[in-house]
């Protein structure tokens, strides 16, 4: 799956962080592609 908009990228990264923070979750994996530029914009 390719992530193309900053809004979707931010939502996806927020979801992954929330899942990783859960005590019952041992690992989180994802299948997505996003440009480095979009990734850096989403981390702010």
PDB file of N, CA and C in Angstrom:
ATOM      1  N   UNK A   1       0.854  -1.156   0.000  1.00  0.00           N
ATOM      2  CA  UNK A   1       0.000   0.000   0.000  1.00  0.00           C
ATOM      3  C   UNK A   1       0.906   1.226   0.000  1.00  0.00           C
ATOM      4  N   UNK A   2       0.632   2.149  -0.865  1.00  0.00           N
ATOM      5  CA  UNK A   2       1.407   3.372  -0.925  1.00  0.00           C
ATOM      6  C   UNK A   2       0.646   4.512  -0.253  1.00  0.00           C
ATOM      7  N   UNK A   3       1.316   5.194   0.650  1.00  0.00           N
ATOM      8  CA  UNK A   3       0.739   6.328   1.357  1.00  0.00           C
ATOM      9  C   UNK A   3       1.165   7.588   0.618  1.00  0.00           C
ATOM     10  N   UNK A   4       0.186   8.389   0.209  1.00  0.00           N
ATOM     11  CA  UNK A   4       0.497   9.525  -0.655  1.00  0.00           C
ATOM     12  C   UNK A   4       0.212  10.890  -0.058  1.00  0.00           C
ATOM     13  N   UNK A   5      -0.586  10.961   1.009  1.00  0.00           N
ATOM     14  CA  UNK A   5      -0.927  12.268   1.569  1.00  0.00           C
ATOM     15  C   UNK A   5      -0.379  12.391   2.987  1.00  0.00           C
ATOM     16  N   UNK A   6      -0.025  13.599   3.384  1.00  0.00           N
ATOM     17  CA  UNK A   6       0.482  13.797   4.750  1.00  0.00           C
ATOM     18  C   UNK A   6      -0.522  13.407   5.826  1.00  0.00           C
ATOM     19  N   UNK A   7      -1.806  13.603   5.561  1.00  0.00           N
ATOM     20  CA  UNK A   7      -2.832  13.256   6.544  1.00  0.00           C
ATOM     21  C   UNK A   7      -2.869  11.749   6.783  1.00  0.00           C
ATOM     22  N   UNK A   8      -2.826  10.971   5.711  1.00  0.00           N
ATOM     23  CA  UNK A   8      -2.834   9.515   5.848  1.00  0.00           C
ATOM     24  C   UNK A   8      -1.559   9.030   6.515  1.00  0.00           C
ATOM     25  N   UNK A   9      -0.438   9.644   6.168  1.00  0.00           N
ATOM     26  CA  UNK A   9       0.837   9.248   6.765  1.00  0.00           C
ATOM     27  C   UNK A   9       0.823   9.509   8.260  1.00  0.00           C
ATOM     28  N   UNK A  10       0.359  10.662   8.654  1.00  0.00           N
ATOM     29  CA  UNK A  10       0.314  11.012  10.077  1.00  0.00           C
ATOM     30  C   UNK A  10      -0.615  10.067  10.832  1.00  0.00           C
ATOM     31  N   UNK A  11      -1.768   9.760  10.254  1.00  0.00           N
ATOM     32  CA  UNK A  11      -2.719   8.845  10.895  1.00  0.00           C
ATOM     33  C   UNK A  11      -2.134   7.448  11.036  1.00  0.00           C
ATOM     34  N   UNK A  12      -1.469   6.970  10.003  1.00  0.00           N
ATOM     35  CA  UNK A  12      -0.880   5.636  10.036  1.00  0.00           C
ATOM     36  C   UNK A  12       0.215   5.545  11.094  1.00  0.00           C
ATOM     37  N   UNK A  13       1.083   6.526  11.147  1.00  0.00           N
ATOM     38  CA  UNK A  13       2.158   6.511  12.132  1.00  0.00           C
ATOM     39  C   UNK A  13       1.618   6.649  13.553  1.00  0.00           C
ATOM     40  N   UNK A  14       0.573   7.434  13.710  1.00  0.00           N
ATOM     41  CA  UNK A  14      -0.053   7.581  15.026  1.00  0.00           C
ATOM     42  C   UNK A  14      -0.673   6.256  15.473  1.00  0.00           C
ATOM     43  N   UNK A  15      -1.334   5.555  14.556  1.00  0.00           N
ATOM     44  CA  UNK A  15      -1.919   4.255  14.861  1.00  0.00           C
ATOM     45  C   UNK A  15      -0.843   3.246  15.246  1.00  0.00           C
ATOM     46  N   UNK A  16       0.241   3.210  14.499  1.00  0.00           N
ATOM     47  CA  UNK A  16       1.323   2.269  14.800  1.00  0.00           C
ATOM     48  C   UNK A  16       1.933   2.556  16.168  1.00  0.00           C
ATOM     49  N   UNK A  17       2.121   3.825  16.504  1.00  0.00           N
ATOM     50  CA  UNK A  17       2.645   4.187  17.822  1.00  0.00           C
ATOM     51  C   UNK A  17       1.689   3.756  18.930  1.00  0.00           C
ATOM     52  N   UNK A  18       0.397   3.965  18.712  1.00  0.00           N
ATOM     53  CA  UNK A  18      -0.598   3.587  19.717  1.00  0.00           C
ATOM     54  C   UNK A  18      -0.606   2.078  19.926  1.00  0.00           C
ATOM     55  N   UNK A  19      -0.495   1.317  18.859  1.00  0.00           N
ATOM     56  CA  UNK A  19      -0.467  -0.142  18.980  1.00  0.00           C
ATOM     57  C   UNK A  19       0.786  -0.604  19.714  1.00  0.00           C
ATOM     58  N   UNK A  20       1.932  -0.002  19.406  1.00  0.00           N
ATOM     59  CA  UNK A  20       3.183  -0.384  20.061  1.00  0.00           C
ATOM     60  C   UNK A  20       3.152  -0.080  21.561  1.00  0.00           C
ATOM     61  N   UNK A  21       2.407   0.935  21.960  1.00  0.00           N
ATOM     62  CA  UNK A  21       2.345   1.329  23.366  1.00  0.00           C
ATOM     63  C   UNK A  21       1.472   0.405  24.221  1.00  0.00           C
ATOM     64  N   UNK A  22       0.653  -0.415  23.590  1.00  0.00           N
ATOM     65  CA  UNK A  22      -0.209  -1.323  24.339  1.00  0.00           C
ATOM     66  C   UNK A  22       0.617  -2.431  24.994  1.00  0.00           C
ATOM     67  N   UNK A  23       0.338  -2.724  26.244  1.00  0.00           N
ATOM     68  CA  UNK A  23       1.089  -3.740  26.982  1.00  0.00           C
ATOM     69  C   UNK A  23       0.921  -5.140  26.393  1.00  0.00           C
ATOM     70  N   UNK A  24      -0.235  -5.449  25.861  1.00  0.00           N
ATOM     71  CA  UNK A  24      -0.512  -6.791  25.349  1.00  0.00           C
ATOM     72  C   UNK A  24       0.054  -7.029  23.948  1.00  0.00           C
ATOM     73  N   UNK A  25       0.542  -6.007  23.286  1.00  0.00           N
ATOM     74  CA  UNK A  25       1.059  -6.142  21.925  1.00  0.00           C
ATOM     75  C   UNK A  25       2.550  -6.425  21.987  1.00  0.00           C
ATOM     76  N   UNK A  26       2.967  -7.525  21.342  1.00  0.00           N
ATOM     77  CA  UNK A  26       4.372  -7.905  21.351  1.00  0.00           C
ATOM     78  C   UNK A  26       5.136  -7.317  20.164  1.00  0.00           C
ATOM     79  N   UNK A  27       4.468  -7.194  19.010  1.00  0.00           N
ATOM     80  CA  UNK A  27       5.127  -6.605  17.841  1.00  0.00           C
ATOM     81  C   UNK A  27       4.080  -6.029  16.898  1.00  0.00           C
ATOM     82  N   UNK A  28       4.511  -5.052  16.129  1.00  0.00           N
ATOM     83  CA  UNK A  28       3.635  -4.410  15.152  1.00  0.00           C
ATOM     84  C   UNK A  28       4.343  -4.451  13.804  1.00  0.00           C
ATOM     85  N   UNK A  29       3.651  -4.950  12.796  1.00  0.00           N
ATOM     86  CA  UNK A  29       4.206  -4.960  11.445  1.00  0.00           C
ATOM     87  C   UNK A  29       3.247  -4.240  10.519  1.00  0.00           C
ATOM     88  N   UNK A  30       3.793  -3.732   9.427  1.00  0.00           N
ATOM     89  CA  UNK A  30       2.965  -3.005   8.465  1.00  0.00           C
ATOM     90  C   UNK A  30       3.511  -3.229   7.060  1.00  0.00           C
ATOM     91  N   UNK A  31       2.650  -3.040   6.100  1.00  0.00           N
ATOM     92  CA  UNK A  31       3.018  -3.198   4.707  1.00  0.00           C
ATOM     93  C   UNK A  31       2.605  -1.924   3.981  1.00  0.00           C
ATOM     94  N   UNK A  32       3.474  -0.915   4.020  1.00  0.00           N
ATOM     95  CA  UNK A  32       3.178   0.330   3.341  1.00  0.00           C
ATOM     96  C   UNK A  32       4.462   0.940   2.796  1.00  0.00           C
ATOM     97  N   UNK A  33       4.294   1.804   1.830  1.00  0.00           N
ATOM     98  CA  UNK A  33       5.409   2.538   1.262  1.00  0.00           C
ATOM     99  C   UNK A  33       5.090   4.014   1.341  1.00  0.00           C
ATOM    100  N   UNK A  34       6.109   4.787   1.727  1.00  0.00           N
ATOM    101  CA  UNK A  34       5.933   6.225   1.800  1.00  0.00           C
ATOM    102  C   UNK A  34       7.295   6.857   1.535  1.00  0.00           C
ATOM    103  N   UNK A  35       7.287   7.987   0.864  1.00  0.00           N
ATOM    104  CA  UNK A  35       8.542   8.660   0.557  1.00  0.00           C
ATOM    105  C   UNK A  35       9.213   9.152   1.840  1.00  0.00           C
ATOM    106  N   UNK A  36      10.521   9.315   1.779  1.00  0.00           N
ATOM    107  CA  UNK A  36      11.257   9.823   2.944  1.00  0.00           C
ATOM    108  C   UNK A  36      10.777  11.226   3.305  1.00  0.00           C
ATOM    109  N   UNK A  37      10.463  12.014   2.297  1.00  0.00           N
ATOM    110  CA  UNK A  37       9.976  13.379   2.534  1.00  0.00           C
ATOM    111  C   UNK A  37       8.657  13.352   3.308  1.00  0.00           C
ATOM    112  N   UNK A  38       7.761  12.484   2.883  1.00  0.00           N
ATOM    113  CA  UNK A  38       6.466  12.359   3.555  1.00  0.00           C
ATOM    114  C   UNK A  38       6.638  11.820   4.977  1.00  0.00           C
ATOM    115  N   UNK A  39       7.558  10.904   5.141  1.00  0.00           N
ATOM    116  CA  UNK A  39       7.834  10.352   6.465  1.00  0.00           C
ATOM    117  C   UNK A  39       8.354  11.442   7.394  1.00  0.00           C
ATOM    118  N   UNK A  40       9.253  12.269   6.928  1.00  0.00           N
ATOM    119  CA  UNK A  40       9.807  13.316   7.782  1.00  0.00           C
ATOM    120  C   UNK A  40       8.754  14.378   8.097  1.00  0.00           C
ATOM    121  N   UNK A  41       7.858  14.687   7.167  1.00  0.00           N
ATOM    122  CA  UNK A  41       6.781  15.642   7.435  1.00  0.00           C
ATOM    123  C   UNK A  41       5.815  15.105   8.473  1.00  0.00           C
ATOM    124  N   UNK A  42       5.594  13.807   8.465  1.00  0.00           N
ATOM    125  CA  UNK A  42       4.641  13.186   9.369  1.00  0.00           C
ATOM    126  C   UNK A  42       5.177  13.065  10.774  1.00  0.00           C
ATOM    127  N   UNK A  43       6.472  13.060  10.949  1.00  0.00           N
ATOM    128  CA  UNK A  43       7.073  12.877  12.262  1.00  0.00           C
ATOM    129  C   UNK A  43       7.036  14.159  13.090  1.00  0.00           C
ATOM    130  N   UNK A  44       6.737  15.283  12.485  1.00  0.00           N
ATOM    131  CA  UNK A  44       6.743  16.568  13.188  1.00  0.00           C
ATOM    132  C   UNK A  44       5.552  16.704  14.089  1.00  0.00           C
TER     133      UNK A  44
END
